[in-house]
Protein backbone atom coordinates (compact mmCIF):
# COMPACT_ATOMS: atom_id res chain seq x y z
CA LEU A 1 -19.59 1.09 -7.49
CA TRP A 2 -20.55 -3.15 -8.01
CA LEU A 3 -18.38 -5.65 -8.17
CA ALA A 4 -19.05 -8.37 -11.04
CA GLU A 5 -17.75 -10.57 -13.11
CA SER A 6 -15.70 -8.72 -15.60
CA ALA A 7 -16.87 -7.58 -19.00
CA ALA A 8 -13.25 -6.84 -20.41
CA VAL A 9 -10.95 -9.40 -19.29
CA LYS A 10 -12.05 -13.52 -19.00
CA ASN A 11 -12.01 -15.03 -15.46
CA SER A 12 -11.78 -11.92 -13.57
CA LEU A 13 -14.06 -9.76 -11.39
CA GLY A 14 -14.06 -6.22 -12.60
CA LEU A 15 -15.84 -2.75 -11.22
CA PHE A 16 -18.93 -1.35 -12.49
CA ALA A 17 -20.19 2.33 -12.14
CA GLY A 18 -23.65 2.60 -10.40
CA VAL A 19 -24.18 5.89 -11.69
CA ASP A 20 -23.58 8.14 -14.24
CA ILE A 21 -19.54 9.38 -13.68
CA PRO A 22 -18.37 13.02 -15.14
CA LYS A 23 -15.04 13.34 -16.45
CA GLY A 24 -12.58 14.26 -14.14
CA GLU A 25 -14.84 12.87 -10.70
CA GLU A 26 -13.46 10.80 -8.02
CA VAL A 27 -15.19 7.20 -9.00
CA LEU A 28 -15.34 6.41 -5.13
CA LYS A 29 -15.49 9.22 -3.05
CA ASN A 30 -14.84 6.94 0.89
CA GLY A 31 -12.39 9.58 2.06
CA GLY A 32 -9.45 8.02 0.69
CA GLU A 33 -7.87 4.14 0.32
CA LEU A 34 -4.94 2.84 2.43
CA HIS A 35 -1.15 2.59 1.01
CA ILE A 36 0.26 -0.03 2.94
CA PRO A 37 4.53 -0.43 1.36
CA ILE A 38 5.59 -3.70 0.90
CA TYR A 39 9.69 -2.99 1.72
CA ASP A 40 12.36 -5.61 0.32
CA LYS A 41 10.51 -7.83 -1.37
CA ASN A 42 11.75 -10.73 -3.88
CA PRO A 43 9.95 -10.00 -7.37
CA ARG A 44 11.55 -13.31 -8.40
CA GLU A 45 9.08 -15.38 -6.81
CA TRP A 46 6.10 -15.78 -8.52
CA SER A 47 2.83 -15.41 -6.48
CA ARG A 48 -0.84 -13.96 -6.77
CA LEU A 49 -0.22 -11.07 -4.97
CA HIS A 50 2.37 -9.67 -7.86
CA ASP A 51 -0.76 -9.02 -9.56
CA VAL A 52 -1.95 -6.20 -7.22
CA TRP A 53 1.22 -4.59 -6.59
CA TRP A 54 2.25 -0.82 -7.99
CA SER A 55 5.72 0.16 -8.46
CA GLN A 56 7.40 3.37 -8.71
CA GLY A 57 5.21 6.98 -9.17
CA ILE A 58 2.55 6.06 -6.11
CA SER A 59 4.70 9.01 -3.55
CA LEU A 60 7.57 10.65 -4.60
CA ASP A 61 9.83 9.56 -1.34
CA PHE A 62 9.01 6.05 -1.48
CA ALA A 63 11.85 5.25 -3.30
CA LEU A 64 14.15 6.97 -1.08
CA GLN A 65 12.72 4.37 2.54
CA SER A 66 14.64 1.49 1.72
CA ASP A 67 17.76 0.02 -0.17
CA PHE A 68 15.75 -2.86 -2.67
CA HIS A 69 12.70 -3.48 -4.02
CA SER A 70 9.57 -1.47 -2.63
CA PHE A 71 5.99 -1.96 -3.73
CA SER A 72 2.61 -1.00 -3.36
CA PHE A 73 -0.62 -2.22 -2.03
CA LEU A 74 -3.06 0.22 -3.17
CA SER A 75 -6.59 -1.13 -1.56
CA GLY A 76 -9.72 -0.83 -2.96
CA VAL A 77 -10.10 0.36 -6.85
CA GLY A 78 -6.32 0.23 -7.23
CA VAL A 79 -6.50 -4.33 -6.68
CA THR A 80 -10.20 -4.48 -7.76
CA ALA A 81 -10.42 -2.18 -10.88
CA THR A 82 -9.76 -3.87 -14.10
CA CYS A 83 -5.99 -3.43 -16.11
CA HIS A 84 -6.72 -2.82 -19.52
CA ASP A 85 -4.33 -0.80 -21.56
CA GLY A 86 -6.05 -0.04 -24.64
CA LYS A 87 -9.69 1.03 -23.17
CA ALA A 88 -9.05 2.65 -19.63
CA ASN A 89 -11.97 5.07 -18.67
CA ILE A 90 -10.03 6.03 -15.52
CA GLU A 91 -6.51 7.13 -13.61
CA LEU A 92 -4.76 7.46 -10.67
CA TYR A 93 -3.69 10.52 -9.60
CA ALA A 94 -0.70 9.64 -7.18
CA THR A 95 -1.65 12.01 -4.36
CA GLU A 96 -0.78 10.91 -0.77
CA GLU A 97 -1.45 12.03 2.73
CA VAL A 98 0.72 10.38 5.65
CA ASP A 99 -0.60 11.12 9.05
CA SER A 100 0.10 8.73 11.93
CA THR A 101 -2.60 10.58 13.60
CA GLY A 102 -1.35 11.05 16.73
CA VAL A 103 0.67 7.75 17.00
CA HIS A 104 3.68 8.60 18.55
CA ARG A 105 6.60 5.69 18.99
CA HIS A 106 7.80 6.47 22.27
CA LYS A 107 4.26 6.15 23.82
CA ASP A 108 2.40 3.73 21.66
CA VAL A 109 2.95 0.66 21.75
CA THR A 110 1.16 0.16 18.26
CA ALA A 111 3.33 2.99 16.41
CA GLY A 112 4.46 1.15 13.10
CA SER A 113 1.55 -1.76 13.12
CA PHE A 114 -0.62 0.31 10.76
CA THR A 115 0.10 2.20 7.23
CA TYR A 116 0.06 5.94 7.93
CA ARG A 117 0.11 5.98 4.02
CA LEU A 118 -3.79 7.25 2.78
CA HIS A 119 -3.89 7.14 -1.55
CA SER A 120 -6.22 8.71 -3.07
CA GLU A 121 -7.67 9.47 -5.78
CA TYR A 122 -9.06 7.78 -8.68
CA VAL A 123 -10.17 10.09 -11.54
CA ALA A 124 -12.69 9.47 -14.44
CA SER A 125 -10.70 10.22 -17.67
CA GLU A 126 -13.61 10.43 -19.77
CA THR A 127 -17.44 10.18 -19.18
CA ILE A 128 -18.44 6.70 -17.18
CA SER A 129 -22.08 5.78 -17.98
CA ALA A 130 -23.73 3.77 -15.33
CA GLY A 131 -23.08 0.24 -15.69
CA GLN A 132 -19.90 0.79 -17.71
CA GLU A 133 -16.52 -0.79 -15.99
CA LEU A 134 -13.86 0.47 -14.83
CA LEU A 135 -10.93 0.41 -16.31
CA LEU A 136 -7.21 1.26 -15.25
CA ASP A 137 -3.97 1.22 -17.77
CA CYS A 138 -1.80 -0.01 -15.17
CA ARG A 139 1.48 0.59 -17.75
CA LYS A 140 4.43 2.66 -17.12
CA SER A 141 5.16 5.46 -19.28
CA SER A 142 7.71 7.80 -17.24
CA PRO A 143 9.81 7.57 -13.86
CA ASP A 144 7.20 9.30 -12.19
CA GLU A 145 3.98 7.99 -12.85
CA PRO A 146 2.47 4.70 -11.31
CA THR A 147 2.60 1.09 -12.33
CA LYS A 148 0.65 -1.67 -11.65
CA GLU A 149 2.71 -5.16 -12.10
CA HIS A 150 -0.75 -6.93 -13.23
CA LYS A 151 -0.31 -7.79 -16.99
CA VAL A 152 -3.68 -8.57 -18.52
CA LEU A 153 -2.71 -11.24 -21.74
CA ALA A 154 -4.53 -10.07 -24.98
CA ASN A 155 -6.31 -13.94 -25.64
CA ASP A 156 -7.16 -13.41 -21.75
CA ARG A 157 -9.32 -9.63 -22.85
CA THR A 158 -13.21 -9.82 -24.65
CA ASP A 159 -15.01 -8.22 -27.09
CA LYS A 160 -17.96 -8.28 -24.65
CA GLU A 161 -19.97 -4.96 -24.14
CA SER A 162 -18.54 -3.49 -20.74
CA THR A 163 -21.80 -4.14 -18.65
CA PHE A 164 -23.00 -6.08 -15.97
CA ASP A 165 -25.64 -8.13 -14.57
CA SER A 166 -27.20 -5.95 -11.82
CA SER A 167 -29.06 -9.00 -10.37
CA GLU A 168 -25.48 -10.61 -9.76
CA ALA A 169 -23.49 -7.87 -8.96
CA LEU A 170 -22.20 -6.79 -5.28
CA CYS A 171 -22.36 -3.41 -3.90
CA VAL A 172 -18.91 -2.15 -3.01
CA ASP A 173 -18.99 1.49 -2.09
CA THR A 174 -20.40 1.02 1.42
CA LEU A 175 -17.42 2.61 3.73
CA ASN A 176 -15.83 5.08 4.58
CA ILE A 177 -12.62 5.79 5.74
CA GLN A 178 -11.38 8.20 8.60
CA PRO A 179 -9.64 8.24 12.41
CA SER A 180 -10.85 5.22 14.54
CA THR A 181 -12.76 6.35 17.35
CA ILE A 182 -10.13 3.81 19.39
CA PRO A 183 -6.75 5.70 20.55
CA GLY A 184 -3.83 4.60 18.59
CA ALA A 185 -5.51 2.26 15.97
CA GLY A 186 -4.68 4.79 13.42
CA ARG A 187 -7.95 4.99 10.63
CA GLY A 188 -11.00 3.35 10.70
CA ALA A 189 -13.69 2.20 8.62
CA PHE A 190 -17.13 3.57 9.09
CA SER A 191 -20.52 2.58 7.13
CA LYS A 192 -22.42 4.72 4.69
CA ARG A 193 -25.44 3.57 5.72
CA ASP A 194 -28.28 1.88 8.10
CA VAL A 195 -27.50 -1.68 7.97
CA LYS A 196 -29.85 -4.15 9.61
CA GLU A 197 -28.59 -7.23 11.59
CA GLY A 198 -28.12 -9.94 9.55
CA GLU A 199 -27.78 -7.80 6.43
CA ARG A 200 -24.22 -7.54 4.08
CA VAL A 201 -21.92 -4.46 5.53
CA ALA A 202 -19.42 -4.82 3.29
CA VAL A 203 -17.99 -7.16 0.13
CA SER A 204 -14.51 -7.71 -0.49
CA PRO A 205 -12.32 -10.19 -2.60
CA VAL A 206 -9.36 -12.02 -0.85
CA ILE A 207 -6.38 -13.35 -2.51
CA ALA A 208 -4.87 -16.50 -1.63
CA PHE A 209 -1.30 -17.06 -0.94
CA ASP A 210 1.08 -19.05 1.24
CA GLU A 211 2.24 -17.26 4.30
CA SER A 212 6.12 -17.43 3.65
CA GLU A 213 5.15 -14.31 0.83
CA MET A 214 4.81 -11.83 4.58
CA TYR A 215 8.76 -12.93 5.32
CA MET A 216 11.56 -10.34 5.08
CA PHE A 217 14.39 -12.03 4.31
CA GLU A 218 18.37 -10.90 4.53
CA GLN A 219 19.34 -9.88 1.03
CA ALA A 220 22.90 -8.27 -0.04
CA PHE A 221 23.78 -6.97 -3.47
CA GLU A 222 27.23 -8.90 -4.47
CA GLU A 223 29.14 -9.01 -7.59
CA ASP A 224 25.97 -6.77 -9.23
CA TYR A 225 23.74 -10.07 -8.52
CA LEU A 226 21.32 -9.58 -5.51
CA THR A 227 21.01 -12.25 -3.32
CA PHE A 228 18.71 -13.52 -0.92
CA TYR A 229 19.26 -15.44 2.03
CA ASP A 230 17.36 -18.15 3.89
CA LYS A 231 17.27 -15.77 7.00
CA VAL A 232 13.79 -14.34 8.33
CA VAL A 233 14.48 -10.81 9.21
CA GLY A 234 10.79 -9.34 9.65
CA TYR A 235 7.67 -9.33 8.75
CA GLN A 236 6.00 -6.70 5.91
CA LEU A 237 3.67 -4.58 7.25
CA LEU A 238 0.69 -6.13 4.70
CA TYR A 239 0.62 -9.04 7.37
CA ASN A 240 -1.38 -7.27 10.10
CA TYR A 241 -3.62 -6.67 7.08
CA CYS A 242 -4.29 -10.80 6.23
CA TYR A 243 -6.74 -13.12 7.46
CA GLY A 244 -4.55 -16.82 8.35
CA HIS A 245 -5.17 -19.45 10.67
CA LYS A 246 -2.69 -21.45 13.30
CA ASN A 247 -2.60 -24.69 11.58
CA SER A 248 -2.59 -23.20 8.14
CA SER A 249 0.11 -22.08 5.69
CA ILE A 250 -2.83 -20.40 3.31
CA HIS A 251 -3.24 -16.61 4.12
CA LEU A 252 -5.77 -14.56 2.55
CA LEU A 253 -5.71 -10.72 1.47
CA PRO A 254 -8.70 -8.61 1.15
CA THR A 255 -8.88 -6.29 -1.48
CA GLY A 256 -12.33 -4.71 -1.54
CA PRO A 257 -12.84 -0.95 -0.68
CA GLY A 258 -12.82 -0.20 3.16
CA VAL A 259 -12.56 -3.22 4.23
CA ASN A 260 -8.59 -2.85 5.26
CA ALA A 261 -9.47 -0.36 7.71
CA ILE A 262 -11.66 -2.56 9.68
CA ASN A 263 -10.11 -2.64 13.20
CA HIS A 264 -10.31 -5.01 16.07
CA ASP A 265 -13.07 -4.93 18.75
CA SER A 266 -14.09 -7.94 20.59
CA GLU A 267 -16.57 -6.91 22.86
CA GLU A 268 -18.11 -4.18 20.56
CA ALA A 269 -17.60 -6.06 16.99
CA ASN A 270 -20.32 -5.52 15.11
CA VAL A 271 -19.68 -7.68 12.00
CA GLU A 272 -18.59 -11.01 11.35
CA LEU A 273 -17.02 -12.54 8.42
CA ARG A 274 -18.64 -15.60 6.25
CA TRP A 275 -17.86 -16.68 2.56
CA SER A 276 -20.68 -14.91 0.31
CA ASN A 277 -23.28 -16.90 -1.53
CA SER A 278 -23.15 -14.87 -4.44
CA THR A 279 -23.18 -16.84 -7.88
CA LEU A 280 -19.64 -14.67 -8.29
CA ASN A 281 -18.44 -17.11 -5.74
CA GLY A 282 -19.35 -19.94 -8.05
CA ASN A 283 -20.07 -23.20 -5.98
CA LYS A 284 -17.31 -22.55 -3.81
CA ASP A 285 -14.77 -24.72 -4.83
CA PHE A 286 -12.38 -23.16 -3.65
CA LEU A 287 -13.37 -24.54 -0.14
CA ASN A 288 -12.17 -27.80 -1.20
CA MET A 289 -8.54 -27.18 -3.19
CA TYR A 290 -6.06 -27.87 -1.37
CA TYR A 291 -2.76 -25.71 -0.86
CA ALA A 292 -0.80 -25.93 -4.05
CA LYS A 293 -3.91 -25.66 -6.32
CA LEU A 294 -5.24 -22.81 -4.23
CA THR A 295 -2.28 -20.63 -4.21
CA GLY A 296 -0.46 -21.50 -7.66
CA ARG A 297 -3.85 -20.60 -9.70
CA GLN A 298 -4.88 -17.12 -10.95
CA ASP A 299 -8.12 -17.89 -12.01
CA VAL A 300 -9.69 -18.55 -8.36
CA THR A 301 -12.47 -15.92 -7.44
CA MET A 302 -13.26 -16.01 -3.60
CA ILE A 303 -15.33 -13.09 -1.80
CA LEU A 304 -15.53 -12.59 2.01
CA GLU A 305 -18.88 -10.75 3.13
CA TYR A 306 -18.71 -8.69 6.45
CA ILE A 307 -22.59 -9.92 7.83
CA ALA A 308 -23.84 -7.04 10.55
CA LEU A 309 -24.11 -8.88 14.26
CA GLU A 310 -26.76 -5.53 15.13
CA ASP A 311 -28.59 -3.06 13.73
CA ILE A 312 -25.86 -0.43 12.12
CA ASP A 313 -26.41 3.07 11.87
CA ALA A 314 -24.77 5.53 8.95
CA GLY A 315 -21.33 6.81 10.54
CA ASP A 316 -20.91 3.88 12.87
CA GLU A 317 -17.45 2.12 13.09
CA ILE A 318 -17.22 -0.93 12.21
CA PHE A 319 -15.58 -3.34 14.17
CA LEU A 320 -14.15 -7.61 13.93
CA ASP A 321 -13.39 -9.45 16.70
CA TYR A 322 -9.84 -10.54 14.96
CA GLY A 323 -10.15 -13.36 17.45
CA GLU A 324 -8.85 -15.17 20.50
CA SER A 325 -5.09 -16.08 19.75
CA TRP A 326 -4.70 -12.38 17.99
CA GLU A 327 -6.18 -10.87 20.92
CA LYS A 328 -3.12 -13.08 23.66
CA TYR A 329 -0.53 -12.10 20.98
CA PHE A 330 -0.90 -8.80 21.27
CA GLU A 331 -1.84 -8.12 24.85
CA SER A 332 1.75 -10.64 25.60
CA PHE A 333 3.20 -8.19 23.45
CA VAL A 334 2.02 -5.01 25.36
CA GLU A 335 3.42 -7.07 28.81
CA ASN A 336 6.28 -8.59 27.54
CA ASP A 337 8.19 -7.39 24.66
CA TRP A 338 6.78 -3.53 23.66
CA ASP A 339 9.61 -0.49 24.74
CA PRO A 340 9.69 2.97 23.32
CA PRO A 341 12.95 2.60 21.49
CA PRO A 342 15.92 4.54 22.82
CA PHE A 343 15.94 8.19 22.44
CA SER A 344 12.95 8.25 20.93
CA SER A 345 11.03 11.01 23.00
CA LYS A 346 12.20 13.70 20.64
CA TYR A 347 11.39 11.84 17.36
CA ARG A 348 9.44 13.44 14.56
CA SER A 349 8.86 12.04 11.00
CA ALA A 350 9.26 13.94 8.18
CA ALA A 351 5.62 14.43 7.57
CA ASP A 352 5.12 15.82 11.51
CA PHE A 353 8.06 18.10 10.60
CA ASN A 354 6.83 19.05 7.72
CA LYS A 355 3.54 19.73 9.26
CA GLN A 356 5.04 22.33 11.44
CA HIS A 357 7.60 23.61 9.42
CA GLY A 358 6.71 23.58 6.10
CA ASP A 359 6.99 27.44 4.82
CA GLU A 360 10.32 27.56 5.85
CA PRO A 361 13.13 27.71 3.23
CA PHE A 362 15.40 24.89 3.42
CA ARG A 363 18.41 25.17 5.48
CA THR A 364 22.28 25.22 3.59
CA VAL A 365 24.52 22.99 4.52
CA ALA A 366 26.03 26.02 6.19
CA GLU A 367 22.76 26.57 8.41
CA GLN A 368 22.38 23.25 9.16
CA ARG A 369 25.29 23.54 11.28
CA ASP A 370 23.69 25.50 13.98
CA GLN A 371 20.29 24.40 13.12
CA ARG A 372 20.37 20.62 11.87
CA TYR A 373 17.41 18.86 10.76
CA PRO A 374 16.72 15.79 12.66
CA ARG A 375 18.84 12.86 11.88
CA ASN A 376 16.16 11.03 10.53
CA ILE A 377 15.34 13.35 8.20
CA ILE A 378 17.08 14.39 4.60
CA THR A 379 16.96 16.47 1.67
CA ALA A 380 15.76 15.30 -1.11
CA CYS A 381 15.19 16.82 -4.81
CA LEU A 382 13.34 16.15 -8.26
CA PHE A 383 16.05 15.37 -10.88
CA GLU A 384 16.08 13.45 -13.75
CA GLU A 385 19.79 13.67 -16.00
CA THR A 386 18.66 14.63 -19.75
CA GLU A 387 20.95 13.99 -22.53
CA GLU A 388 21.37 17.89 -22.75
CA ASN A 389 23.37 17.82 -18.84
CA PHE A 390 26.10 15.62 -19.37
CA LYS A 391 28.27 18.15 -20.77
CA GLN A 392 27.02 21.21 -18.30
CA ASP A 393 28.65 21.97 -15.10
CA PRO A 394 26.83 23.28 -12.94
CA ILE A 395 23.58 22.44 -15.28
CA THR A 396 20.60 24.60 -14.71
CA TRP A 397 17.64 23.23 -13.59
CA THR A 398 14.28 23.06 -15.95
CA MET A 399 10.95 21.55 -16.22
CA ALA A 400 12.92 18.61 -18.32
CA ASN A 401 14.67 17.58 -14.98
CA ARG A 402 11.45 16.89 -12.98
CA GLY A 403 11.87 13.46 -12.06
CA CYS A 404 13.62 11.52 -9.85
CA LEU A 405 13.59 12.06 -6.04
CA ARG A 406 17.04 12.06 -4.70
CA PRO A 407 18.89 12.98 -2.15
CA CYS A 408 20.94 16.41 -2.34
CA LEU A 409 22.92 18.78 -0.55
CA ILE A 410 21.27 22.75 -0.25
CA LEU A 411 24.20 24.64 -0.96
CA GLU A 412 22.94 28.20 -1.83
CA ARG A 413 19.76 29.76 -1.50
CA GLN A 414 18.44 32.94 -3.53
CA SER A 415 15.21 35.04 -3.83
CA ASP A 416 13.37 35.02 -6.78
CA GLY A 417 11.65 37.89 -7.04
CA ASP A 418 8.47 36.91 -6.03
CA GLY A 419 8.47 35.58 -2.37
CA LYS A 420 10.10 32.10 -3.54
CA TYR A 421 13.43 30.65 -3.39
CA LEU A 422 15.84 29.01 -5.96
CA TYR A 423 18.43 26.72 -4.50
CA LYS A 424 22.05 26.06 -5.49
CA ALA A 425 22.04 21.89 -4.80
CA GLU A 426 24.64 18.88 -4.99
CA VAL A 427 22.44 15.87 -6.10
CA HIS A 428 23.38 12.52 -5.37
CA GLU A 429 22.92 8.86 -7.15
CA MET A 430 19.94 6.95 -5.10
CA PRO A 431 20.58 4.98 -2.63
CA ASN A 432 18.28 2.74 -3.71
CA ILE A 433 20.68 -0.20 -5.63
CA ILE A 434 17.51 -1.09 -7.25
CA GLU A 435 17.38 2.57 -8.96
CA ASP A 436 14.77 3.09 -11.99
CA PRO A 437 17.12 2.76 -15.11
CA PHE A 438 15.48 6.61 -15.50
CA CYS A 439 17.41 8.03 -12.59
CA LYS A 440 20.73 6.89 -13.52
CA LEU A 441 23.43 9.47 -13.33
CA SER A 442 26.19 9.84 -15.61
CA LYS A 443 28.42 10.47 -12.27
CA THR A 444 28.31 10.11 -8.67
CA HIS A 445 26.82 13.42 -7.85
CA LYS A 446 25.76 16.55 -9.97
CA MET A 447 25.93 20.50 -9.34
CA VAL A 448 22.41 21.70 -10.65
CA GLU A 449 21.32 25.34 -9.51
CA ASN A 450 17.99 27.25 -10.32
CA ILE A 451 15.72 24.02 -8.34
CA PRO A 452 12.89 25.74 -6.89
CA SER A 453 11.70 24.88 -3.67
CA GLU A 454 8.31 22.93 -5.50
CA ALA A 455 11.20 20.65 -6.70
CA ILE A 456 12.83 20.14 -2.94
CA MET A 457 11.46 18.33 -0.05
CA LEU A 458 12.14 16.84 3.00
CA THR A 459 11.91 12.99 3.87
CA ASP A 460 12.40 10.19 6.09
CA ARG A 461 15.75 8.48 5.41
CA ALA A 462 16.05 5.33 4.73
CA TYR A 463 14.83 2.24 7.43
CA THR A 464 14.01 5.38 9.94
CA THR A 465 10.47 5.22 9.78
CA ASP A 466 7.95 3.39 12.25
CA GLU A 467 7.35 0.29 10.36
CA HIS A 468 10.94 -0.34 9.94
CA MET A 469 11.02 -0.41 13.90
CA VAL A 470 12.52 -3.79 14.97
CA ASP A 471 9.97 -5.65 16.94
CA THR A 472 7.28 -3.66 16.15
CA PHE A 473 3.83 -5.82 16.08
CA ARG A 474 3.20 -7.86 13.22
CA SER A 475 0.53 -10.29 13.45
CA PHE A 476 -2.12 -11.93 11.32
CA ILE A 477 -6.04 -11.60 12.24
CA GLU A 478 -7.11 -15.25 12.81
CA PRO A 479 -11.20 -14.61 13.04
CA PRO A 480 -13.43 -16.88 15.15
CA GLY A 481 -15.47 -19.26 13.06
CA ASP A 482 -14.65 -21.72 9.94
CA LEU A 483 -13.37 -19.17 7.75
CA PHE A 484 -10.78 -21.84 7.16
CA PRO A 485 -11.94 -24.94 5.83
CA ASP A 486 -9.77 -28.52 6.51
CA ALA A 487 -8.63 -28.67 3.52
CA TRP A 488 -6.59 -26.01 4.31
CA MET A 489 -5.08 -26.91 7.18
CA ARG A 490 -1.49 -28.57 7.31
CA ASP A 491 -0.93 -31.82 9.31
CA ASP A 492 2.12 -30.70 11.09
CA SER A 493 3.91 -26.74 12.05
CA THR A 494 6.02 -26.99 8.66
CA ASP A 495 5.22 -24.29 6.33
CA MET A 496 4.09 -25.83 3.19
CA GLY A 497 5.85 -22.83 1.14
CA ASP A 498 9.29 -22.23 -0.51
CA PHE A 499 10.64 -21.09 2.77
CA LEU A 500 11.17 -21.88 5.88
CA HIS A 501 9.44 -21.16 8.89
CA PRO A 502 10.50 -17.82 10.53
CA THR A 503 12.67 -19.67 13.73
CA LEU A 504 15.11 -19.27 11.23
CA LYS A 505 15.39 -15.75 13.04
CA SER A 506 16.93 -17.01 16.08
């Protein structure tokens, strides 16, 4: 895959196929891409980040993980491919793997500091010829299909031929994602090819935004209206994937394939960051832009390169020095701030529990009196009410009801005669108050029978997963060097953004 000026949308970058891609084949084979959840965000505050968020349908259980607005940052193709609803040639298959890679909150200080979610895959919906731009349909057509927040206006589109100038393009298909060689670091990025010292290992567009976009503010639903307060109650997990500077309110989020999985190692770092000299970066005028202009424009193209500090062999893990400030803060966090959460030794996430007990039938309410599930795990059923269901009691589940994962109580279980089970359950309203309108029930709960095993799952109760833990490590990355120019620095310690500094936490 190649990064070049989009032929489909004005003033935008796009991804282009370097080889022919048959219909039905993955467009990027790199082991998957990171899915970084964004919980309890204020969608009313405009930001360039809103253009790259996905909502709904990325993972079945996502809407049950919090009580307010939830979005997804899908690194790689999910961000850099162009939205073009009329001519899409790739589609997102909302498949996902959740794996902590052996990290546990009782023993590992890094628990909750990186995403456990890996999403894939982007598939060609038609045969794509080498040189063609990858175009993604970002609209939502049903409650269980993903939709991207980015909207391309009709006058932004062009009628240019969907090909690119290879002399100006940058290869972005250079990294694989797999478990890191660093214990407790989650997944890492590994080079697909041999790279000589001084050569480019990877490349990534970046988005500039105000630091306050990573704050989580206290909020409440009052009189049918969601109210946000000034109190900062935490930081988004995405904060750990951003580049920043202690004297700047500007943060940078890299979006290229694989780069968000690059881990820290100050002693064994084999890449460093620099601003690309590619013509795609123009004259790098953004380095002279001040805060308001840089973060307030959608047409600013910014590209970073990861340059080899030594010869790198195919299969080597890529490491970046996150900077002295980051390292000192992490060491201080380990020594002074971190303790295992109380009663955490026996904690098991739904993903880990399912790996061990996934073949077992779901337990009824009566069975759970003697053999209960862990307190952080609930049963959830796929159920979307149809017009025909309004007067039915109980409702007989059909494929027309497949949609909207919601909490449910398993009441009865019976064999279907083929070695599987059908269940009777009491399905409830979704606890997430920003529920999808498709998912509304005509009553607070419904009795549903003949639910197949495939429409039921065990999932984590809201706010119980590792990324929701109090005092989980959060910090932006501050790489050494002159990545941040003087124009981006502030004169004092006060944020230049819309919100107040996180001293409000106290």
